[in-house]
Amino acid sequence: GGGSGLKQAFDQFARFGKSESQLKEKDIRIESKNVQKLMKEAGVVDGKYTSQLLDNDMARVLGKLTSSGTYTKG
């Protein structure tokens, strides 16, 4: 279904700029700059929803997830 295309796009952006040793790790984390790039190319970040708003939203969500123990910092 549509989910596989989404995963492929996410994986492509998550892998961008990683070293060979980083790419061999089991869990590759997407970098903030690559989330920005993904969201810009997808049209999510535009004149109304800016990259600064995206940064603020990500910080708020990740802050909640790390403080609840759902997501580890780092």
PDB file of N, CA and C in Angstrom:
ATOM      1  N   GLY A   1       0.808  -1.188   0.000  1.00  0.00           N
ATOM      2  CA  GLY A   1       0.000   0.000   0.000  1.00  0.00           C
ATOM      3  C   GLY A   1       0.846   1.244   0.000  1.00  0.00           C
ATOM      4  N   GLY A   2       0.205   2.353   0.345  1.00  0.00           N
ATOM      5  CA  GLY A   2       0.858   3.650   0.355  1.00  0.00           C
ATOM      6  C   GLY A   2       1.931   3.779   1.403  1.00  0.00           C
ATOM      7  N   GLY A   3       1.845   2.954   2.445  1.00  0.00           N
ATOM      8  CA  GLY A   3       2.814   3.038   3.534  1.00  0.00           C
ATOM      9  C   GLY A   3       4.224   2.698   3.109  1.00  0.00           C
ATOM     10  N   SER A   4       4.377   1.785   2.149  1.00  0.00           N
ATOM     11  CA  SER A   4       5.724   1.388   1.745  1.00  0.00           C
ATOM     12  C   SER A   4       6.453   2.538   1.054  1.00  0.00           C
ATOM     13  N   GLY A   5       5.745   3.333   0.275  1.00  0.00           N
ATOM     14  CA  GLY A   5       6.349   4.500  -0.364  1.00  0.00           C
ATOM     15  C   GLY A   5       6.770   5.536   0.657  1.00  0.00           C
ATOM     16  N   LEU A   6       5.957   5.703   1.686  1.00  0.00           N
ATOM     17  CA  LEU A   6       6.286   6.635   2.759  1.00  0.00           C
ATOM     18  C   LEU A   6       7.532   6.176   3.499  1.00  0.00           C
ATOM     19  N   LYS A   7       7.608   4.878   3.780  1.00  0.00           N
ATOM     20  CA  LYS A   7       8.784   4.338   4.474  1.00  0.00           C
ATOM     21  C   LYS A   7      10.029   4.506   3.612  1.00  0.00           C
ATOM     22  N   GLN A   8       9.907   4.264   2.317  1.00  0.00           N
ATOM     23  CA  GLN A   8      11.057   4.433   1.416  1.00  0.00           C
ATOM     24  C   GLN A   8      11.551   5.875   1.435  1.00  0.00           C
ATOM     25  N   ALA A   9      10.622   6.822   1.376  1.00  0.00           N
ATOM     26  CA  ALA A   9      11.008   8.236   1.399  1.00  0.00           C
ATOM     27  C   ALA A   9      11.670   8.584   2.718  1.00  0.00           C
ATOM     28  N   PHE A  10      11.084   8.115   3.824  1.00  0.00           N
ATOM     29  CA  PHE A  10      11.659   8.385   5.142  1.00  0.00           C
ATOM     30  C   PHE A  10      13.062   7.798   5.234  1.00  0.00           C
ATOM     31  N   ASP A  11      13.220   6.545   4.819  1.00  0.00           N
ATOM     32  CA  ASP A  11      14.533   5.889   4.875  1.00  0.00           C
ATOM     33  C   ASP A  11      15.568   6.635   4.037  1.00  0.00           C
ATOM     34  N   GLN A  12      15.149   7.111   2.871  1.00  0.00           N
ATOM     35  CA  GLN A  12      16.064   7.847   1.997  1.00  0.00           C
ATOM     36  C   GLN A  12      16.571   9.102   2.708  1.00  0.00           C
ATOM     37  N   PHE A  13      15.670   9.841   3.340  1.00  0.00           N
ATOM     38  CA  PHE A  13      16.080  11.060   4.032  1.00  0.00           C
ATOM     39  C   PHE A  13      16.849  10.739   5.312  1.00  0.00           C
ATOM     40  N   ALA A  14      16.508   9.656   5.980  1.00  0.00           N
ATOM     41  CA  ALA A  14      17.214   9.276   7.209  1.00  0.00           C
ATOM     42  C   ALA A  14      18.650   8.866   6.906  1.00  0.00           C
ATOM     43  N   ARG A  15      18.873   8.258   5.759  1.00  0.00           N
ATOM     44  CA  ARG A  15      20.206   7.768   5.392  1.00  0.00           C
ATOM     45  C   ARG A  15      21.095   8.864   4.805  1.00  0.00           C
ATOM     46  N   PHE A  16      20.499   9.947   4.336  1.00  0.00           N
ATOM     47  CA  PHE A  16      21.250  10.999   3.658  1.00  0.00           C
ATOM     48  C   PHE A  16      22.322  11.583   4.576  1.00  0.00           C
ATOM     49  N   GLY A  17      23.562  11.608   4.088  1.00  0.00           N
ATOM     50  CA  GLY A  17      24.665  12.201   4.830  1.00  0.00           C
ATOM     51  C   GLY A  17      25.296  11.307   5.883  1.00  0.00           C
ATOM     52  N   LYS A  18      24.858  10.050   5.966  1.00  0.00           N
ATOM     53  CA  LYS A  18      25.408   9.129   6.972  1.00  0.00           C
ATOM     54  C   LYS A  18      26.673   8.460   6.439  1.00  0.00           C
ATOM     55  N   SER A  19      27.569   8.118   7.350  1.00  0.00           N
ATOM     56  CA  SER A  19      28.783   7.389   6.976  1.00  0.00           C
ATOM     57  C   SER A  19      28.440   5.914   6.775  1.00  0.00           C
ATOM     58  N   GLU A  20      29.357   5.188   6.171  1.00  0.00           N
ATOM     59  CA  GLU A  20      29.143   3.750   5.950  1.00  0.00           C
ATOM     60  C   GLU A  20      28.908   3.019   7.268  1.00  0.00           C
ATOM     61  N   SER A  21      29.672   3.361   8.298  1.00  0.00           N
ATOM     62  CA  SER A  21      29.499   2.680   9.590  1.00  0.00           C
ATOM     63  C   SER A  21      28.147   3.015  10.209  1.00  0.00           C
ATOM     64  N   GLN A  22      27.684   4.255  10.050  1.00  0.00           N
ATOM     65  CA  GLN A  22      26.369   4.624  10.571  1.00  0.00           C
ATOM     66  C   GLN A  22      25.263   3.882   9.833  1.00  0.00           C
ATOM     67  N   LEU A  23      25.445   3.679   8.532  1.00  0.00           N
ATOM     68  CA  LEU A  23      24.428   2.991   7.741  1.00  0.00           C
ATOM     69  C   LEU A  23      24.304   1.517   8.112  1.00  0.00           C
ATOM     70  N   LYS A  24      25.340   0.952   8.723  1.00  0.00           N
ATOM     71  CA  LYS A  24      25.300  -0.455   9.127  1.00  0.00           C
ATOM     72  C   LYS A  24      24.569  -0.656  10.451  1.00  0.00           C
ATOM     73  N   GLU A  25      24.294   0.431  11.173  1.00  0.00           N
ATOM     74  CA  GLU A  25      23.586   0.320  12.447  1.00  0.00           C
ATOM     75  C   GLU A  25      22.159  -0.143  12.204  1.00  0.00           C
ATOM     76  N   LYS A  26      21.617  -0.856  13.173  1.00  0.00           N
ATOM     77  CA  LYS A  26      20.267  -1.401  13.031  1.00  0.00           C
ATOM     78  C   LYS A  26      19.220  -0.295  12.954  1.00  0.00           C
ATOM     79  N   ASP A  27      19.272   0.639  13.888  1.00  0.00           N
ATOM     80  CA  ASP A  27      18.281   1.713  13.941  1.00  0.00           C
ATOM     81  C   ASP A  27      18.929   3.027  13.525  1.00  0.00           C
ATOM     82  N   ILE A  28      18.579   3.489  12.342  1.00  0.00           N
ATOM     83  CA  ILE A  28      19.112   4.754  11.850  1.00  0.00           C
ATOM     84  C   ILE A  28      18.117   5.846  12.219  1.00  0.00           C
ATOM     85  N   ARG A  29      18.610   6.852  12.920  1.00  0.00           N
ATOM     86  CA  ARG A  29      17.755   7.979  13.298  1.00  0.00           C
ATOM     87  C   ARG A  29      17.886   9.079  12.258  1.00  0.00           C
ATOM     88  N   ILE A  30      16.766   9.716  11.985  1.00  0.00           N
ATOM     89  CA  ILE A  30      16.785  10.818  11.029  1.00  0.00           C
ATOM     90  C   ILE A  30      17.256  12.084  11.744  1.00  0.00           C
ATOM     91  N   GLU A  31      18.119  12.822  11.091  1.00  0.00           N
ATOM     92  CA  GLU A  31      18.645  14.071  11.642  1.00  0.00           C
ATOM     93  C   GLU A  31      17.616  15.181  11.448  1.00  0.00           C
ATOM     94  N   SER A  32      17.645  16.155  12.330  1.00  0.00           N
ATOM     95  CA  SER A  32      16.716  17.282  12.267  1.00  0.00           C
ATOM     96  C   SER A  32      16.775  17.989  10.914  1.00  0.00           C
ATOM     97  N   LYS A  33      17.985  18.197  10.396  1.00  0.00           N
ATOM     98  CA  LYS A  33      18.120  18.891   9.107  1.00  0.00           C
ATOM     99  C   LYS A  33      17.468  18.090   7.982  1.00  0.00           C
ATOM    100  N   ASN A  34      17.481  16.756   8.099  1.00  0.00           N
ATOM    101  CA  ASN A  34      16.868  15.927   7.069  1.00  0.00           C
ATOM    102  C   ASN A  34      15.350  15.903   7.202  1.00  0.00           C
ATOM    103  N   VAL A  35      14.842  16.050   8.425  1.00  0.00           N
ATOM    104  CA  VAL A  35      13.392  16.187   8.611  1.00  0.00           C
ATOM    105  C   VAL A  35      12.942  17.479   7.938  1.00  0.00           C
ATOM    106  N   GLN A  36      13.707  18.548   8.142  1.00  0.00           N
ATOM    107  CA  GLN A  36      13.394  19.834   7.503  1.00  0.00           C
ATOM    108  C   GLN A  36      13.338  19.673   5.980  1.00  0.00           C
ATOM    109  N   LYS A  37      14.343  19.016   5.426  1.00  0.00           N
ATOM    110  CA  LYS A  37      14.419  18.818   3.970  1.00  0.00           C
ATOM    111  C   LYS A  37      13.234  17.988   3.472  1.00  0.00           C
ATOM    112  N   LEU A  38      12.912  16.915   4.181  1.00  0.00           N
ATOM    113  CA  LEU A  38      11.781  16.067   3.820  1.00  0.00           C
ATOM    114  C   LEU A  38      10.483  16.868   3.826  1.00  0.00           C
ATOM    115  N   MET A  39      10.275  17.637   4.880  1.00  0.00           N
ATOM    116  CA  MET A  39       9.035  18.407   5.006  1.00  0.00           C
ATOM    117  C   MET A  39       8.942  19.524   3.968  1.00  0.00           C
ATOM    118  N   LYS A  40      10.067  20.112   3.609  1.00  0.00           N
ATOM    119  CA  LYS A  40      10.059  21.139   2.562  1.00  0.00           C
ATOM    120  C   LYS A  40       9.715  20.520   1.217  1.00  0.00           C
ATOM    121  N   GLU A  41      10.355  19.388   0.903  1.00  0.00           N
ATOM    122  CA  GLU A  41      10.100  18.739  -0.386  1.00  0.00           C
ATOM    123  C   GLU A  41       8.684  18.188  -0.479  1.00  0.00           C
ATOM    124  N   ALA A  42       8.100  17.829   0.664  1.00  0.00           N
ATOM    125  CA  ALA A  42       6.729  17.317   0.679  1.00  0.00           C
ATOM    126  C   ALA A  42       5.703  18.449   0.652  1.00  0.00           C
ATOM    127  N   GLY A  43       6.175  19.691   0.789  1.00  0.00           N
ATOM    128  CA  GLY A  43       5.266  20.828   0.766  1.00  0.00           C
ATOM    129  C   GLY A  43       4.625  21.131   2.109  1.00  0.00           C
ATOM    130  N   VAL A  44       5.080  20.477   3.165  1.00  0.00           N
ATOM    131  CA  VAL A  44       4.537  20.733   4.504  1.00  0.00           C
ATOM    132  C   VAL A  44       5.047  22.077   5.008  1.00  0.00           C
ATOM    133  N   VAL A  45       6.355  22.308   4.850  1.00  0.00           N
ATOM    134  CA  VAL A  45       6.946  23.590   5.231  1.00  0.00           C
ATOM    135  C   VAL A  45       6.798  24.521   4.035  1.00  0.00           C
ATOM    136  N   ASP A  46       6.132  25.644   4.277  1.00  0.00           N
ATOM    137  CA  ASP A  46       5.885  26.612   3.212  1.00  0.00           C
ATOM    138  C   ASP A  46       5.830  28.011   3.823  1.00  0.00           C
ATOM    139  N   GLY A  47       5.156  28.929   3.176  1.00  0.00           N
ATOM    140  CA  GLY A  47       5.065  30.294   3.673  1.00  0.00           C
ATOM    141  C   GLY A  47       4.275  30.426   4.965  1.00  0.00           C
ATOM    142  N   LYS A  48       3.309  29.531   5.174  1.00  0.00           N
ATOM    143  CA  LYS A  48       2.475  29.604   6.382  1.00  0.00           C
ATOM    144  C   LYS A  48       3.045  28.769   7.520  1.00  0.00           C
ATOM    145  N   TYR A  49       3.489  27.573   7.214  1.00  0.00           N
ATOM    146  CA  TYR A  49       4.083  26.689   8.233  1.00  0.00           C
ATOM    147  C   TYR A  49       5.581  26.677   7.978  1.00  0.00           C
ATOM    148  N   THR A  50       6.282  27.491   8.738  1.00  0.00           N
ATOM    149  CA  THR A  50       7.707  27.720   8.496  1.00  0.00           C
ATOM    150  C   THR A  50       8.572  26.647   9.142  1.00  0.00           C
ATOM    151  N   SER A  51       9.840  26.649   8.773  1.00  0.00           N
ATOM    152  CA  SER A  51      10.779  25.697   9.367  1.00  0.00           C
ATOM    153  C   SER A  51      10.938  25.958  10.864  1.00  0.00           C
ATOM    154  N   GLN A  52      10.801  27.213  11.290  1.00  0.00           N
ATOM    155  CA  GLN A  52      10.881  27.526  12.719  1.00  0.00           C
ATOM    156  C   GLN A  52       9.705  26.906  13.471  1.00  0.00           C
ATOM    157  N   LEU A  53       8.513  26.967  12.885  1.00  0.00           N
ATOM    158  CA  LEU A  53       7.345  26.335  13.516  1.00  0.00           C
ATOM    159  C   LEU A  53       7.531  24.825  13.596  1.00  0.00           C
ATOM    160  N   LEU A  54       8.082  24.230  12.539  1.00  0.00           N
ATOM    161  CA  LEU A  54       8.355  22.794  12.548  1.00  0.00           C
ATOM    162  C   LEU A  54       9.345  22.457  13.656  1.00  0.00           C
ATOM    163  N   ASP A  55      10.422  23.240  13.777  1.00  0.00           N
ATOM    164  CA  ASP A  55      11.403  23.021  14.848  1.00  0.00           C
ATOM    165  C   ASP A  55      10.739  23.084  16.221  1.00  0.00           C
ATOM    166  N   ASN A  56       9.897  24.092  16.422  1.00  0.00           N
ATOM    167  CA  ASN A  56       9.211  24.242  17.709  1.00  0.00           C
ATOM    168  C   ASN A  56       8.312  23.046  18.000  1.00  0.00           C
ATOM    169  N   ASP A  57       7.567  22.601  16.998  1.00  0.00           N
ATOM    170  CA  ASP A  57       6.670  21.453  17.184  1.00  0.00           C
ATOM    171  C   ASP A  57       7.457  20.180  17.465  1.00  0.00           C
ATOM    172  N   MET A  58       8.552  19.982  16.743  1.00  0.00           N
ATOM    173  CA  MET A  58       9.372  18.785  16.972  1.00  0.00           C
ATOM    174  C   MET A  58       9.958  18.791  18.378  1.00  0.00           C
ATOM    175  N   ALA A  59      10.447  19.943  18.824  1.00  0.00           N
ATOM    176  CA  ALA A  59      11.030  20.039  20.165  1.00  0.00           C
ATOM    177  C   ALA A  59       9.982  19.736  21.231  1.00  0.00           C
ATOM    178  N   ARG A  60       8.774  20.242  21.029  1.00  0.00           N
ATOM    179  CA  ARG A  60       7.702  20.007  21.998  1.00  0.00           C
ATOM    180  C   ARG A  60       7.330  18.521  22.049  1.00  0.00           C
ATOM    181  N   VAL A  61       7.155  17.901  20.902  1.00  0.00           N
ATOM    182  CA  VAL A  61       6.771  16.485  20.853  1.00  0.00           C
ATOM    183  C   VAL A  61       7.885  15.598  21.388  1.00  0.00           C
ATOM    184  N   LEU A  62       9.119  15.830  20.932  1.00  0.00           N
ATOM    185  CA  LEU A  62      10.232  15.003  21.398  1.00  0.00           C
ATOM    186  C   LEU A  62      10.486  15.209  22.879  1.00  0.00           C
ATOM    187  N   GLY A  63      10.272  16.413  23.372  1.00  0.00           N
ATOM    188  CA  GLY A  63      10.411  16.669  24.806  1.00  0.00           C
ATOM    189  C   GLY A  63       9.437  15.840  25.610  1.00  0.00           C
ATOM    190  N   LYS A  64       8.204  15.746  25.137  1.00  0.00           N
ATOM    191  CA  LYS A  64       7.194  14.934  25.824  1.00  0.00           C
ATOM    192  C   LYS A  64       7.542  13.453  25.748  1.00  0.00           C
ATOM    193  N   LEU A  65       8.011  13.005  24.592  1.00  0.00           N
ATOM    194  CA  LEU A  65       8.335  11.588  24.429  1.00  0.00           C
ATOM    195  C   LEU A  65       9.545  11.185  25.258  1.00  0.00           C
ATOM    196  N   THR A  66      10.559  12.058  25.332  1.00  0.00           N
ATOM    197  CA  THR A  66      11.750  11.704  26.107  1.00  0.00           C
ATOM    198  C   THR A  66      11.467  11.755  27.597  1.00  0.00           C
ATOM    199  N   SER A  67      10.641  12.700  28.028  1.00  0.00           N
ATOM    200  CA  SER A  67      10.352  12.788  29.465  1.00  0.00           C
ATOM    201  C   SER A  67       9.445  11.655  29.929  1.00  0.00           C
ATOM    202  N   SER A  68       8.649  11.097  29.022  1.00  0.00           N
ATOM    203  CA  SER A  68       7.767   9.986  29.394  1.00  0.00           C
ATOM    204  C   SER A  68       8.467   8.637  29.290  1.00  0.00           C
ATOM    205  N   GLY A  69       9.685   8.627  28.704  1.00  0.00           N
ATOM    206  CA  GLY A  69      10.421   7.379  28.546  1.00  0.00           C
ATOM    207  C   GLY A  69      10.085   6.632  27.271  1.00  0.00           C
ATOM    208  N   THR A  70       9.218   7.205  26.433  1.00  0.00           N
ATOM    209  CA  THR A  70       8.839   6.567  25.179  1.00  0.00           C
ATOM    210  C   THR A  70       9.986   6.583  24.182  1.00  0.00           C
ATOM    211  N   TYR A  71      10.796   7.616  24.232  1.00  0.00           N
ATOM    212  CA  TYR A  71      11.867   7.823  23.256  1.00  0.00           C
ATOM    213  C   TYR A  71      13.114   8.233  24.021  1.00  0.00           C
ATOM    214  N   THR A  72      14.230   7.577  23.726  1.00  0.00           N
ATOM    215  CA  THR A  72      15.460   7.907  24.446  1.00  0.00           C
ATOM    216  C   THR A  72      16.136   9.113  23.823  1.00  0.00           C
ATOM    217  N   LYS A  73      16.756   9.924  24.650  1.00  0.00           N
ATOM    218  CA  LYS A  73      17.473  11.101  24.157  1.00  0.00           C
ATOM    219  C   LYS A  73      18.712  10.656  23.411  1.00  0.00           C
ATOM    220  N   GLY A  74      19.121  11.480  22.444  1.00  0.00           N
ATOM    221  CA  GLY A  74      20.371  11.194  21.757  1.00  0.00           C
ATOM    222  C   GLY A  74      20.269  11.093  20.300  1.00  0.00           C
TER     223      GLY A  74
END
